[in-house]
Amino acid sequence: DISELYQIFSDEVLGSGQFGVVYGGTHRHTGRPVAIKVIDKTRFPIKQEEQTKNE
């Protein structure tokens, strides 16, 4: 589960687009700031899934 590795700040929206929202957060073990993209899979084309995994 991603929430075990990262603390996601749902009130800290860094950006949004057609397929999802990017939130700010921190890595729980290092404390480093991170950006976490949350994708709405119901709006996401399957052919782009592999490409997005590389982001």
Protein backbone atom coordinates (compact mmCIF):
# COMPACT_ATOMS: atom_id res chain seq x y z
CA ASP A 1 0.00 0.00 0.00
CA ILE A 2 1.39 3.38 -1.02
CA SER A 3 0.32 4.99 2.25
CA GLU A 4 2.86 2.84 4.11
CA LEU A 5 5.71 4.50 2.19
CA TYR A 6 4.36 8.00 1.71
CA GLN A 7 2.31 10.51 3.64
CA ILE A 8 0.00 12.17 1.12
CA PHE A 9 -1.26 15.69 1.83
CA SER A 10 -4.72 15.67 0.26
CA ASP A 11 -5.06 19.41 0.86
CA GLU A 12 -1.82 20.14 -1.05
CA VAL A 13 -2.80 19.91 -4.73
CA LEU A 14 0.22 20.59 -6.94
CA GLY A 15 -1.60 20.15 -10.21
CA SER A 16 -4.37 18.35 -12.04
CA GLY A 17 -5.15 17.14 -15.50
CA GLN A 18 -7.44 15.02 -17.59
CA PHE A 19 -6.55 11.75 -15.85
CA GLY A 20 -5.83 12.70 -12.27
CA VAL A 21 -4.41 14.94 -9.56
CA VAL A 22 -0.87 15.48 -8.24
CA TYR A 23 -0.52 15.88 -4.48
CA GLY A 24 2.40 16.87 -2.31
CA GLY A 25 3.65 14.47 0.29
CA THR A 26 6.67 13.08 2.11
CA HIS A 27 8.53 9.79 2.10
CA ARG A 28 7.87 8.34 5.55
CA HIS A 29 11.37 6.89 6.06
CA THR A 30 13.50 9.74 4.71
CA GLY A 31 11.24 12.75 5.21
CA ARG A 32 11.98 13.90 1.67
CA PRO A 33 9.24 15.81 -0.15
CA VAL A 34 7.56 13.98 -3.03
CA ALA A 35 4.89 14.56 -5.66
CA ILE A 36 2.33 11.77 -5.94
CA LYS A 37 0.15 11.39 -9.02
CA VAL A 38 -3.26 9.84 -8.33
CA ILE A 39 -4.82 8.57 -11.55
CA ASP A 40 -8.53 8.06 -12.15
CA LYS A 41 -8.34 4.68 -13.89
CA THR A 42 -11.88 5.01 -15.22
CA ARG A 43 -10.69 7.88 -17.45
CA PHE A 44 -7.26 6.46 -18.28
CA PRO A 45 -6.58 4.81 -21.67
CA ILE A 46 -5.06 1.35 -21.21
CA LYS A 47 -2.42 1.94 -23.91
CA GLN A 48 -0.86 4.72 -21.82
CA GLU A 49 -0.62 2.62 -18.66
CA GLU A 50 2.90 1.27 -19.33
CA GLN A 51 4.18 4.71 -20.32
CA THR A 52 2.85 6.25 -17.12
CA LYS A 53 4.44 3.59 -14.92
CA ASN A 54 7.81 4.94 -16.09
CA GLU A 55 7.03 8.43 -14.79
